[in-house]
PDB file of N, CA and C in Angstrom:
ATOM      1  N   ALA A   1       0.842  -1.186   0.000  1.00  0.00           N
ATOM      2  CA  ALA A   1       0.000   0.000   0.000  1.00  0.00           C
ATOM      3  C   ALA A   1       0.875   1.233   0.000  1.00  0.00           C
ATOM      4  N   ILE A   2       0.488   2.193  -0.786  1.00  0.00           N
ATOM      5  CA  ILE A   2       1.191   3.471  -0.802  1.00  0.00           C
ATOM      6  C   ILE A   2       0.224   4.529  -0.294  1.00  0.00           C
ATOM      7  N   GLN A   3       0.651   5.225   0.745  1.00  0.00           N
ATOM      8  CA  GLN A   3      -0.123   6.324   1.308  1.00  0.00           C
ATOM      9  C   GLN A   3       0.623   7.624   1.014  1.00  0.00           C
ATOM     10  N   ILE A   4       0.098   8.749   1.443  1.00  0.00           N
ATOM     11  CA  ILE A   4       0.699  10.042   1.143  1.00  0.00           C
ATOM     12  C   ILE A   4       2.128  10.142   1.680  1.00  0.00           C
ATOM     13  N   THR A   5       2.381   9.639   2.888  1.00  0.00           N
ATOM     14  CA  THR A   5       3.725   9.721   3.470  1.00  0.00           C
ATOM     15  C   THR A   5       4.216   8.370   3.997  1.00  0.00           C
ATOM     16  N   PHE A   6       3.740   7.276   3.396  1.00  0.00           N
ATOM     17  CA  PHE A   6       4.110   5.946   3.873  1.00  0.00           C
ATOM     18  C   PHE A   6       4.029   4.955   2.713  1.00  0.00           C
ATOM     19  N   ALA A   7       4.968   4.015   2.656  1.00  0.00           N
ATOM     20  CA  ALA A   7       4.929   2.972   1.631  1.00  0.00           C
ATOM     21  C   ALA A   7       5.189   1.615   2.265  1.00  0.00           C
ATOM     22  N   ALA A   8       4.369   0.646   1.906  1.00  0.00           N
ATOM     23  CA  ALA A   8       4.549  -0.730   2.367  1.00  0.00           C
ATOM     24  C   ALA A   8       4.092  -1.655   1.243  1.00  0.00           C
ATOM     25  N   CYS A   9       4.843  -2.733   1.050  1.00  0.00           N
ATOM     26  CA  CYS A   9       4.395  -3.723   0.081  1.00  0.00           C
ATOM     27  C   CYS A   9       4.971  -5.084   0.461  1.00  0.00           C
ATOM     28  N   ALA A  10       4.182  -6.105   0.193  1.00  0.00           N
ATOM     29  CA  ALA A  10       4.576  -7.477   0.510  1.00  0.00           C
ATOM     30  C   ALA A  10       3.793  -8.423  -0.385  1.00  0.00           C
ATOM     31  N   LEU A  11       4.364  -9.571  -0.602  1.00  0.00           N
ATOM     32  CA  LEU A  11       3.630 -10.624  -1.281  1.00  0.00           C
ATOM     33  C   LEU A  11       2.808 -11.348  -0.237  1.00  0.00           C
ATOM     34  N   GLN A  12       1.610 -11.755  -0.602  1.00  0.00           N
ATOM     35  CA  GLN A  12       0.692 -12.372   0.350  1.00  0.00           C
ATOM     36  C   GLN A  12       1.355 -13.515   1.115  1.00  0.00           C
ATOM     37  N   GLY A  13       1.207 -13.474   2.437  1.00  0.00           N
ATOM     38  CA  GLY A  13       1.747 -14.511   3.300  1.00  0.00           C
ATOM     39  C   GLY A  13       3.218 -14.341   3.644  1.00  0.00           C
ATOM     40  N   ASN A  14       3.828 -13.248   3.205  1.00  0.00           N
ATOM     41  CA  ASN A  14       5.247 -12.995   3.468  1.00  0.00           C
ATOM     42  C   ASN A  14       5.410 -11.676   4.218  1.00  0.00           C
ATOM     43  N   PRO A  15       6.525 -11.516   4.924  1.00  0.00           N
ATOM     44  CA  PRO A  15       6.778 -10.235   5.581  1.00  0.00           C
ATOM     45  C   PRO A  15       6.987  -9.138   4.532  1.00  0.00           C
ATOM     46  N   PRO A  16       6.746  -7.893   4.888  1.00  0.00           N
ATOM     47  CA  PRO A  16       6.881  -6.804   3.903  1.00  0.00           C
ATOM     48  C   PRO A  16       8.306  -6.662   3.374  1.00  0.00           C
ATOM     49  N   TYR A  17       8.399  -6.411   2.071  1.00  0.00           N
ATOM     50  CA  TYR A  17       9.674  -6.013   1.476  1.00  0.00           C
ATOM     51  C   TYR A  17       9.988  -4.581   1.891  1.00  0.00           C
ATOM     52  N   LEU A  18       8.936  -3.813   2.025  1.00  0.00           N
ATOM     53  CA  LEU A  18       9.048  -2.380   2.236  1.00  0.00           C
ATOM     54  C   LEU A  18       8.018  -1.969   3.265  1.00  0.00           C
ATOM     55  N   ASN A  19       8.443  -1.143   4.239  1.00  0.00           N
ATOM     56  CA  ASN A  19       7.535  -0.715   5.297  1.00  0.00           C
ATOM     57  C   ASN A  19       8.145   0.536   5.937  1.00  0.00           C
ATOM     58  N   HIS A  20       8.019   1.691   5.241  1.00  0.00           N
ATOM     59  CA  HIS A  20       8.734   2.893   5.670  1.00  0.00           C
ATOM     60  C   HIS A  20       7.888   4.162   5.555  1.00  0.00           C
ATOM     61  N   ASP A  21       8.178   5.102   6.461  1.00  0.00           N
ATOM     62  CA  ASP A  21       7.638   6.451   6.344  1.00  0.00           C
ATOM     63  C   ASP A  21       8.463   7.217   5.319  1.00  0.00           C
ATOM     64  N   MET A  22       7.814   8.164   4.647  1.00  0.00           N
ATOM     65  CA  MET A  22       8.495   9.018   3.674  1.00  0.00           C
ATOM     66  C   MET A  22       8.483  10.458   4.186  1.00  0.00           C
ATOM     67  N   PRO A  23       9.584  11.202   4.019  1.00  0.00           N
ATOM     68  CA  PRO A  23       9.643  12.572   4.519  1.00  0.00           C
ATOM     69  C   PRO A  23       8.900  13.573   3.631  1.00  0.00           C
ATOM     70  N   HIS A  24       8.507  13.151   2.430  1.00  0.00           N
ATOM     71  CA  HIS A  24       7.820  14.044   1.496  1.00  0.00           C
ATOM     72  C   HIS A  24       6.514  13.389   1.066  1.00  0.00           C
ATOM     73  N   LYS A  25       5.579  14.209   0.597  1.00  0.00           N
ATOM     74  CA  LYS A  25       4.261  13.703   0.212  1.00  0.00           C
ATOM     75  C   LYS A  25       4.234  13.266  -1.252  1.00  0.00           C
ATOM     76  N   CYS A  26       3.479  12.186  -1.502  1.00  0.00           N
ATOM     77  CA  CYS A  26       3.260  11.727  -2.868  1.00  0.00           C
ATOM     78  C   CYS A  26       1.754  11.637  -3.130  1.00  0.00           C
ATOM     79  N   LYS A  27       1.414  11.584  -4.402  1.00  0.00           N
ATOM     80  CA  LYS A  27       0.018  11.389  -4.806  1.00  0.00           C
ATOM     81  C   LYS A  27      -0.220   9.881  -4.836  1.00  0.00           C
ATOM     82  N   LYS A  28      -0.941   9.386  -3.843  1.00  0.00           N
ATOM     83  CA  LYS A  28      -1.078   7.933  -3.719  1.00  0.00           C
ATOM     84  C   LYS A  28      -1.832   7.305  -4.886  1.00  0.00           C
ATOM     85  N   GLU A  29      -2.781   8.028  -5.483  1.00  0.00           N
ATOM     86  CA  GLU A  29      -3.555   7.472  -6.600  1.00  0.00           C
ATOM     87  C   GLU A  29      -2.707   7.320  -7.858  1.00  0.00           C
ATOM     88  N   GLN A  30      -1.617   8.064  -7.960  1.00  0.00           N
ATOM     89  CA  GLN A  30      -0.760   8.015  -9.144  1.00  0.00           C
ATOM     90  C   GLN A  30       0.576   7.331  -8.852  1.00  0.00           C
ATOM     91  N   SER A  31       0.692   6.685  -7.715  1.00  0.00           N
ATOM     92  CA  SER A  31       1.915   5.995  -7.323  1.00  0.00           C
ATOM     93  C   SER A  31       1.640   4.499  -7.241  1.00  0.00           C
ATOM     94  N   TYR A  32       2.659   3.696  -7.537  1.00  0.00           N
ATOM     95  CA  TYR A  32       2.454   2.241  -7.543  1.00  0.00           C
ATOM     96  C   TYR A  32       3.786   1.515  -7.395  1.00  0.00           C
ATOM     97  N   TRP A  33       3.691   0.223  -7.117  1.00  0.00           N
ATOM     98  CA  TRP A  33       4.887  -0.625  -7.087  1.00  0.00           C
ATOM     99  C   TRP A  33       4.647  -1.841  -7.957  1.00  0.00           C
ATOM    100  N   THR A  34       5.738  -2.365  -8.516  1.00  0.00           N
ATOM    101  CA  THR A  34       5.682  -3.568  -9.342  1.00  0.00           C
ATOM    102  C   THR A  34       6.887  -4.449  -9.016  1.00  0.00           C
ATOM    103  N   MET A  35       6.765  -5.727  -9.337  1.00  0.00           N
ATOM    104  CA  MET A  35       7.887  -6.666  -9.241  1.00  0.00           C
ATOM    105  C   MET A  35       8.258  -7.050 -10.667  1.00  0.00           C
ATOM    106  N   GLU A  36       9.550  -6.958 -10.977  1.00  0.00           N
ATOM    107  CA  GLU A  36      10.017  -7.316 -12.306  1.00  0.00           C
ATOM    108  C   GLU A  36      11.374  -8.006 -12.184  1.00  0.00           C
ATOM    109  N   ASP A  37      11.459  -9.201 -12.686  1.00  0.00           N
ATOM    110  CA  ASP A  37      12.697  -9.983 -12.615  1.00  0.00           C
ATOM    111  C   ASP A  37      13.239 -10.070 -11.194  1.00  0.00           C
ATOM    112  N   GLY A  38      12.346 -10.231 -10.232  1.00  0.00           N
ATOM    113  CA  GLY A  38      12.745 -10.368  -8.837  1.00  0.00           C
ATOM    114  C   GLY A  38      13.132  -9.069  -8.152  1.00  0.00           C
ATOM    115  N   GLU A  39      12.945  -7.936  -8.824  1.00  0.00           N
ATOM    116  CA  GLU A  39      13.264  -6.631  -8.239  1.00  0.00           C
ATOM    117  C   GLU A  39      11.992  -5.840  -8.001  1.00  0.00           C
ATOM    118  N   LEU A  40      11.977  -5.132  -6.886  1.00  0.00           N
ATOM    119  CA  LEU A  40      10.860  -4.266  -6.544  1.00  0.00           C
ATOM    120  C   LEU A  40      11.092  -2.892  -7.169  1.00  0.00           C
ATOM    121  N   HIS A  41      10.105  -2.395  -7.896  1.00  0.00           N
ATOM    122  CA  HIS A  41      10.169  -1.068  -8.508  1.00  0.00           C
ATOM    123  C   HIS A  41       9.067  -0.216  -7.896  1.00  0.00           C
ATOM    124  N   LEU A  42       9.437   0.903  -7.348  1.00  0.00           N
ATOM    125  CA  LEU A  42       8.504   1.818  -6.706  1.00  0.00           C
ATOM    126  C   LEU A  42       8.451   3.104  -7.523  1.00  0.00           C
ATOM    127  N   THR A  43       7.263   3.485  -7.990  1.00  0.00           N
ATOM    128  CA  THR A  43       7.080   4.705  -8.768  1.00  0.00           C
ATOM    129  C   THR A  43       6.160   5.623  -7.973  1.00  0.00           C
ATOM    130  N   LEU A  44       6.703   6.774  -7.565  1.00  0.00           N
ATOM    131  CA  LEU A  44       5.950   7.736  -6.762  1.00  0.00           C
ATOM    132  C   LEU A  44       5.777   9.036  -7.533  1.00  0.00           C
ATOM    133  N   GLN A  45       4.574   9.573  -7.538  1.00  0.00           N
ATOM    134  CA  GLN A  45       4.291  10.877  -8.129  1.00  0.00           C
ATOM    135  C   GLN A  45       4.340  11.911  -7.015  1.00  0.00           C
ATOM    136  N   LYS A  46       5.212  12.892  -7.142  1.00  0.00           N
ATOM    137  CA  LYS A  46       5.342  13.920  -6.105  1.00  0.00           C
ATOM    138  C   LYS A  46       4.032  14.689  -5.936  1.00  0.00           C
ATOM    139  N   MET A  47       3.696  15.013  -4.699  1.00  0.00           N
ATOM    140  CA  MET A  47       2.507  15.811  -4.409  1.00  0.00           C
ATOM    141  C   MET A  47       2.690  17.237  -4.949  1.00  0.00           C
ATOM    142  N   HIS A  48       3.900  17.767  -4.801  1.00  0.00           N
ATOM    143  CA  HIS A  48       4.191  19.139  -5.211  1.00  0.00           C
ATOM    144  C   HIS A  48       5.236  19.122  -6.318  1.00  0.00           C
ATOM    145  N   LYS A  49       4.796  19.420  -7.510  1.00  0.00           N
ATOM    146  CA  LYS A  49       5.687  19.412  -8.660  1.00  0.00           C
ATOM    147  C   LYS A  49       6.848  20.378  -8.427  1.00  0.00           C
ATOM    148  N   ALA A  50       8.009  20.048  -8.903  1.00  0.00           N
ATOM    149  CA  ALA A  50       9.240  20.843  -8.802  1.00  0.00           C
ATOM    150  C   ALA A  50       9.868  20.790  -7.422  1.00  0.00           C
ATOM    151  N   GLU A  51       9.357  19.957  -6.540  1.00  0.00           N
ATOM    152  CA  GLU A  51       9.961  19.806  -5.218  1.00  0.00           C
ATOM    153  C   GLU A  51      11.145  18.848  -5.316  1.00  0.00           C
ATOM    154  N   THR A  52      12.263  19.229  -4.717  1.00  0.00           N
ATOM    155  CA  THR A  52      13.426  18.348  -4.658  1.00  0.00           C
ATOM    156  C   THR A  52      13.328  17.526  -3.389  1.00  0.00           C
ATOM    157  N   TRP A  53      13.293  16.221  -3.537  1.00  0.00           N
ATOM    158  CA  TRP A  53      13.240  15.333  -2.379  1.00  0.00           C
ATOM    159  C   TRP A  53      14.665  15.076  -1.895  1.00  0.00           C
ATOM    160  N   THR A  54      14.885  15.211  -0.603  1.00  0.00           N
ATOM    161  CA  THR A  54      16.213  14.994  -0.027  1.00  0.00           C
ATOM    162  C   THR A  54      16.520  13.513   0.137  1.00  0.00           C
ATOM    163  N   GLY A  55      15.512  12.695   0.159  1.00  0.00           N
ATOM    164  CA  GLY A  55      15.658  11.252   0.289  1.00  0.00           C
ATOM    165  C   GLY A  55      14.289  10.623   0.166  1.00  0.00           C
ATOM    166  N   LEU A  56      14.252   9.322   0.021  1.00  0.00           N
ATOM    167  CA  LEU A  56      12.965   8.653  -0.181  1.00  0.00           C
ATOM    168  C   LEU A  56      12.305   8.222   1.119  1.00  0.00           C
ATOM    169  N   PHE A  57      13.093   7.684   2.056  1.00  0.00           N
ATOM    170  CA  PHE A  57      12.516   7.175   3.297  1.00  0.00           C
ATOM    171  C   PHE A  57      13.159   7.817   4.514  1.00  0.00           C
ATOM    172  N   VAL A  58      12.361   8.007   5.551  1.00  0.00           N
ATOM    173  CA  VAL A  58      12.851   8.541   6.819  1.00  0.00           C
ATOM    174  C   VAL A  58      13.891   7.569   7.382  1.00  0.00           C
ATOM    175  N   GLY A  59      15.033   8.110   7.798  1.00  0.00           N
ATOM    176  CA  GLY A  59      16.075   7.291   8.400  1.00  0.00           C
ATOM    177  C   GLY A  59      16.998   6.605   7.413  1.00  0.00           C
ATOM    178  N   HIS A  60      16.791   6.823   6.113  1.00  0.00           N
ATOM    179  CA  HIS A  60      17.651   6.223   5.092  1.00  0.00           C
ATOM    180  C   HIS A  60      18.565   7.287   4.506  1.00  0.00           C
ATOM    181  N   GLN A  61      19.486   6.876   3.671  1.00  0.00           N
ATOM    182  CA  GLN A  61      20.472   7.772   3.081  1.00  0.00           C
ATOM    183  C   GLN A  61      19.796   8.944   2.366  1.00  0.00           C
ATOM    184  N   GLN A  62      20.358  10.124   2.577  1.00  0.00           N
ATOM    185  CA  GLN A  62      19.863  11.341   1.939  1.00  0.00           C
ATOM    186  C   GLN A  62      20.721  11.654   0.720  1.00  0.00           C
ATOM    187  N   LEU A  63      20.199  12.486  -0.180  1.00  0.00           N
ATOM    188  CA  LEU A  63      20.978  12.916  -1.340  1.00  0.00           C
ATOM    189  C   LEU A  63      22.176  13.744  -0.882  1.00  0.00           C
ATOM    190  N   ASP A  64      23.313  13.540  -1.535  1.00  0.00           N
ATOM    191  CA  ASP A  64      24.457  14.398  -1.237  1.00  0.00           C
ATOM    192  C   ASP A  64      24.264  15.729  -1.973  1.00  0.00           C
ATOM    193  N   ASP A  65      25.102  16.712  -1.676  1.00  0.00           N
ATOM    194  CA  ASP A  65      24.943  18.051  -2.253  1.00  0.00           C
ATOM    195  C   ASP A  65      25.026  18.049  -3.777  1.00  0.00           C
ATOM    196  N   VAL A  66      25.945  17.274  -4.326  1.00  0.00           N
ATOM    197  CA  VAL A  66      26.095  17.236  -5.784  1.00  0.00           C
ATOM    198  C   VAL A  66      24.847  16.652  -6.430  1.00  0.00           C
ATOM    199  N   SER A  67      24.353  15.544  -5.910  1.00  0.00           N
ATOM    200  CA  SER A  67      23.141  14.922  -6.468  1.00  0.00           C
ATOM    201  C   SER A  67      21.938  15.841  -6.330  1.00  0.00           C
ATOM    202  N   SER A  68      21.844  16.536  -5.206  1.00  0.00           N
ATOM    203  CA  SER A  68      20.746  17.468  -4.990  1.00  0.00           C
ATOM    204  C   SER A  68      20.789  18.609  -6.009  1.00  0.00           C
ATOM    205  N   THR A  69      21.984  19.134  -6.275  1.00  0.00           N
ATOM    206  CA  THR A  69      22.144  20.197  -7.267  1.00  0.00           C
ATOM    207  C   THR A  69      21.768  19.697  -8.656  1.00  0.00           C
ATOM    208  N   GLU A  70      22.217  18.489  -9.003  1.00  0.00           N
ATOM    209  CA  GLU A  70      21.879  17.913 -10.306  1.00  0.00           C
ATOM    210  C   GLU A  70      20.364  17.708 -10.438  1.00  0.00           C
ATOM    211  N   ASP A  71      19.707  17.304  -9.363  1.00  0.00           N
ATOM    212  CA  ASP A  71      18.259  17.117  -9.368  1.00  0.00           C
ATOM    213  C   ASP A  71      17.550  18.458  -9.567  1.00  0.00           C
ATOM    214  N   ARG A  72      18.040  19.512  -8.887  1.00  0.00           N
ATOM    215  CA  ARG A  72      17.441  20.845  -9.066  1.00  0.00           C
ATOM    216  C   ARG A  72      17.621  21.332 -10.505  1.00  0.00           C
ATOM    217  N   LYS A  73      18.775  21.047 -11.116  1.00  0.00           N
ATOM    218  CA  LYS A  73      18.996  21.419 -12.515  1.00  0.00           C
ATOM    219  C   LYS A  73      17.985  20.715 -13.419  1.00  0.00           C
ATOM    220  N   ARG A  74      17.829  19.404 -13.213  1.00  0.00           N
ATOM    221  CA  ARG A  74      16.900  18.625 -14.034  1.00  0.00           C
ATOM    222  C   ARG A  74      15.482  19.155 -13.905  1.00  0.00           C
ATOM    223  N   ILE A  75      15.065  19.447 -12.676  1.00  0.00           N
ATOM    224  CA  ILE A  75      13.717  19.952 -12.434  1.00  0.00           C
ATOM    225  C   ILE A  75      13.528  21.323 -13.078  1.00  0.00           C
ATOM    226  N   MET A  76      14.536  22.180 -12.982  1.00  0.00           N
ATOM    227  CA  MET A  76      14.437  23.517 -13.574  1.00  0.00           C
ATOM    228  C   MET A  76      14.328  23.421 -15.092  1.00  0.00           C
ATOM    229  N   LEU A  77      15.109  22.540 -15.712  1.00  0.00           N
ATOM    230  CA  LEU A  77      15.022  22.352 -17.162  1.00  0.00           C
ATOM    231  C   LEU A  77      13.677  21.771 -17.577  1.00  0.00           C
ATOM    232  N   GLU A  78      13.118  20.871 -16.769  1.00  0.00           N
ATOM    233  CA  GLU A  78      11.770  20.353 -17.046  1.00  0.00           C
ATOM    234  C   GLU A  78      10.752  21.472 -16.999  1.00  0.00           C
ATOM    235  N   ARG A  79      10.903  22.360 -16.020  1.00  0.00           N
ATOM    236  CA  ARG A  79       9.976  23.491 -15.916  1.00  0.00           C
ATOM    237  C   ARG A  79      10.092  24.385 -17.143  1.00  0.00           C
ATOM    238  N   PHE A  80      11.320  24.737 -17.553  1.00  0.00           N
ATOM    239  CA  PHE A  80      11.513  25.573 -18.737  1.00  0.00           C
ATOM    240  C   PHE A  80      10.883  24.924 -19.965  1.00  0.00           C
ATOM    241  N   ALA A  81      11.121  23.622 -20.153  1.00  0.00           N
ATOM    242  CA  ALA A  81      10.588  22.917 -21.321  1.00  0.00           C
ATOM    243  C   ALA A  81       9.062  22.903 -21.313  1.00  0.00           C
ATOM    244  N   GLU A  82       8.470  22.727 -20.147  1.00  0.00           N
ATOM    245  CA  GLU A  82       7.006  22.687 -20.065  1.00  0.00           C
ATOM    246  C   GLU A  82       6.393  24.072 -20.271  1.00  0.00           C
ATOM    247  N   GLU A  83       7.054  25.105 -19.782  1.00  0.00           N
ATOM    248  CA  GLU A  83       6.534  26.467 -19.926  1.00  0.00           C
ATOM    249  C   GLU A  83       6.810  27.061 -21.304  1.00  0.00           C
ATOM    250  N   HIS A  84       7.799  26.512 -22.019  1.00  0.00           N
ATOM    251  CA  HIS A  84       8.180  27.044 -23.331  1.00  0.00           C
ATOM    252  C   HIS A  84       8.307  25.911 -24.343  1.00  0.00           C
ATOM    253  N   PRO A  85       7.163  25.291 -24.708  1.00  0.00           N
ATOM    254  CA  PRO A  85       7.230  24.196 -25.680  1.00  0.00           C
ATOM    255  C   PRO A  85       7.804  24.704 -27.001  1.00  0.00           C
ATOM    256  N   GLY A  86       8.545  23.862 -27.660  1.00  0.00           N
ATOM    257  CA  GLY A  86       9.149  24.257 -28.924  1.00  0.00           C
ATOM    258  C   GLY A  86      10.595  24.701 -28.775  1.00  0.00           C
ATOM    259  N   PHE A  87      11.005  25.057 -27.572  1.00  0.00           N
ATOM    260  CA  PHE A  87      12.394  25.423 -27.334  1.00  0.00           C
ATOM    261  C   PHE A  87      13.160  24.175 -26.880  1.00  0.00           C
ATOM    262  N   ASP A  88      14.407  24.086 -27.288  1.00  0.00           N
ATOM    263  CA  ASP A  88      15.253  22.954 -26.923  1.00  0.00           C
ATOM    264  C   ASP A  88      16.206  23.376 -25.811  1.00  0.00           C
ATOM    265  N   PHE A  89      16.004  22.821 -24.623  1.00  0.00           N
ATOM    266  CA  PHE A  89      16.847  23.137 -23.468  1.00  0.00           C
ATOM    267  C   PHE A  89      17.851  22.021 -23.174  1.00  0.00           C
ATOM    268  N   SER A  90      18.027  21.080 -24.115  1.00  0.00           N
ATOM    269  CA  SER A  90      18.870  19.921 -23.850  1.00  0.00           C
ATOM    270  C   SER A  90      20.336  20.281 -23.614  1.00  0.00           C
ATOM    271  N   ASN A  91      20.798  21.386 -24.154  1.00  0.00           N
ATOM    272  CA  ASN A  91      22.193  21.798 -23.955  1.00  0.00           C
ATOM    273  C   ASN A  91      22.324  22.976 -22.994  1.00  0.00           C
ATOM    274  N   ALA A  92      21.249  23.312 -22.305  1.00  0.00           N
ATOM    275  CA  ALA A  92      21.277  24.451 -21.377  1.00  0.00           C
ATOM    276  C   ALA A  92      22.148  24.128 -20.175  1.00  0.00           C
ATOM    277  N   GLU A  93      22.829  25.146 -19.672  1.00  0.00           N
ATOM    278  CA  GLU A  93      23.669  25.002 -18.483  1.00  0.00           C
ATOM    279  C   GLU A  93      23.340  26.124 -17.513  1.00  0.00           C
ATOM    280  N   PHE A  94      23.633  25.898 -16.262  1.00  0.00           N
ATOM    281  CA  PHE A  94      23.443  26.901 -15.230  1.00  0.00           C
ATOM    282  C   PHE A  94      24.803  27.405 -14.776  1.00  0.00           C
ATOM    283  N   ASN A  95      24.924  28.701 -14.631  1.00  0.00           N
ATOM    284  CA  ASN A  95      26.133  29.299 -14.071  1.00  0.00           C
ATOM    285  C   ASN A  95      25.836  29.694 -12.636  1.00  0.00           C
ATOM    286  N   GLY A  96      26.650  29.240 -11.706  1.00  0.00           N
ATOM    287  CA  GLY A  96      26.423  29.567 -10.300  1.00  0.00           C
ATOM    288  C   GLY A  96      25.369  28.674  -9.687  1.00  0.00           C
ATOM    289  N   ASN A  97      24.658  29.216  -8.713  1.00  0.00           N
ATOM    290  CA  ASN A  97      23.640  28.455  -7.991  1.00  0.00           C
ATOM    291  C   ASN A  97      22.436  28.172  -8.869  1.00  0.00           C
ATOM    292  N   VAL A  98      21.867  26.998  -8.707  1.00  0.00           N
ATOM    293  CA  VAL A  98      20.657  26.628  -9.429  1.00  0.00           C
ATOM    294  C   VAL A  98      19.467  27.113  -8.616  1.00  0.00           C
ATOM    295  N   PRO A  99      18.589  27.929  -9.218  1.00  0.00           N
ATOM    296  CA  PRO A  99      17.432  28.416  -8.455  1.00  0.00           C
ATOM    297  C   PRO A  99      16.444  27.293  -8.156  1.00  0.00           C
ATOM    298  N   ASP A 100      15.606  27.522  -7.172  1.00  0.00           N
ATOM    299  CA  ASP A 100      14.547  26.580  -6.822  1.00  0.00           C
ATOM    300  C   ASP A 100      13.388  26.797  -7.790  1.00  0.00           C
ATOM    301  N   ALA A 101      13.045  25.778  -8.560  1.00  0.00           N
ATOM    302  CA  ALA A 101      12.002  25.890  -9.577  1.00  0.00           C
ATOM    303  C   ALA A 101      10.643  26.253  -8.989  1.00  0.00           C
ATOM    304  N   ARG A 102      10.435  25.976  -7.701  1.00  0.00           N
ATOM    305  CA  ARG A 102       9.131  26.263  -7.083  1.00  0.00           C
ATOM    306  C   ARG A 102       8.873  27.745  -6.917  1.00  0.00           C
ATOM    307  N   ASP A 103       9.945  28.559  -6.779  1.00  0.00           N
ATOM    308  CA  ASP A 103       9.705  29.985  -6.554  1.00  0.00           C
ATOM    309  C   ASP A 103      10.486  30.909  -7.482  1.00  0.00           C
ATOM    310  N   PHE A 104      11.259  30.363  -8.401  1.00  0.00           N
ATOM    311  CA  PHE A 104      12.018  31.175  -9.348  1.00  0.00           C
ATOM    312  C   PHE A 104      11.087  31.903 -10.300  1.00  0.00           C
ATOM    313  N   MET A 105      11.264  33.205 -10.437  1.00  0.00           N
ATOM    314  CA  MET A 105      10.478  34.050 -11.354  1.00  0.00           C
ATOM    315  C   MET A 105       8.973  33.793 -11.231  1.00  0.00           C
ATOM    316  N   GLY A 106       8.470  33.898 -10.038  1.00  0.00           N
ATOM    317  CA  GLY A 106       7.029  33.756  -9.809  1.00  0.00           C
ATOM    318  C   GLY A 106       6.585  32.356  -9.457  1.00  0.00           C
ATOM    319  N   GLY A 107       7.484  31.410  -9.490  1.00  0.00           N
ATOM    320  CA  GLY A 107       7.151  30.048  -9.053  1.00  0.00           C
ATOM    321  C   GLY A 107       6.531  29.204 -10.143  1.00  0.00           C
ATOM    322  N   VAL A 108       6.241  27.982  -9.761  1.00  0.00           N
ATOM    323  CA  VAL A 108       5.669  26.997 -10.662  1.00  0.00           C
ATOM    324  C   VAL A 108       4.224  27.372 -10.960  1.00  0.00           C
ATOM    325  N   LYS A 109       3.883  27.392 -12.229  1.00  0.00           N
ATOM    326  CA  LYS A 109       2.533  27.772 -12.630  1.00  0.00           C
ATOM    327  C   LYS A 109       1.724  26.558 -13.065  1.00  0.00           C
ATOM    328  N   TYR A 110       2.252  25.389 -12.858  1.00  0.00           N
ATOM    329  CA  TYR A 110       1.569  24.158 -13.258  1.00  0.00           C
ATOM    330  C   TYR A 110       1.535  23.213 -12.071  1.00  0.00           C
ATOM    331  N   GLN A 111       0.649  22.254 -12.094  1.00  0.00           N
ATOM    332  CA  GLN A 111       0.520  21.290 -10.998  1.00  0.00           C
ATOM    333  C   GLN A 111       0.942  19.926 -11.409  1.00  0.00           C
TER     334      GLN A 111
END
């Protein structure tokens, strides 16, 4: 079961593979888990678009600074591409600090 801030999944009659709180909110109706080739795949839709998640589960490894910066870059480029269809941002680079896509130039205008 996937809830807004909690994920658990198990095969019937077995202990859970996953049973953790999440520090960020997800859209439970658009989130799911699957088993493929013996691996668990968890797909979560963020509750707040353009939010950078510091980690997936409470008490587990958090993103390091470099990964967090790279994630903010990716999110910012996704925002630019969605707000300006027809423009190619594939070679875009950021100089200096990467702004937060949620509040940069008036913030995110899409959900």
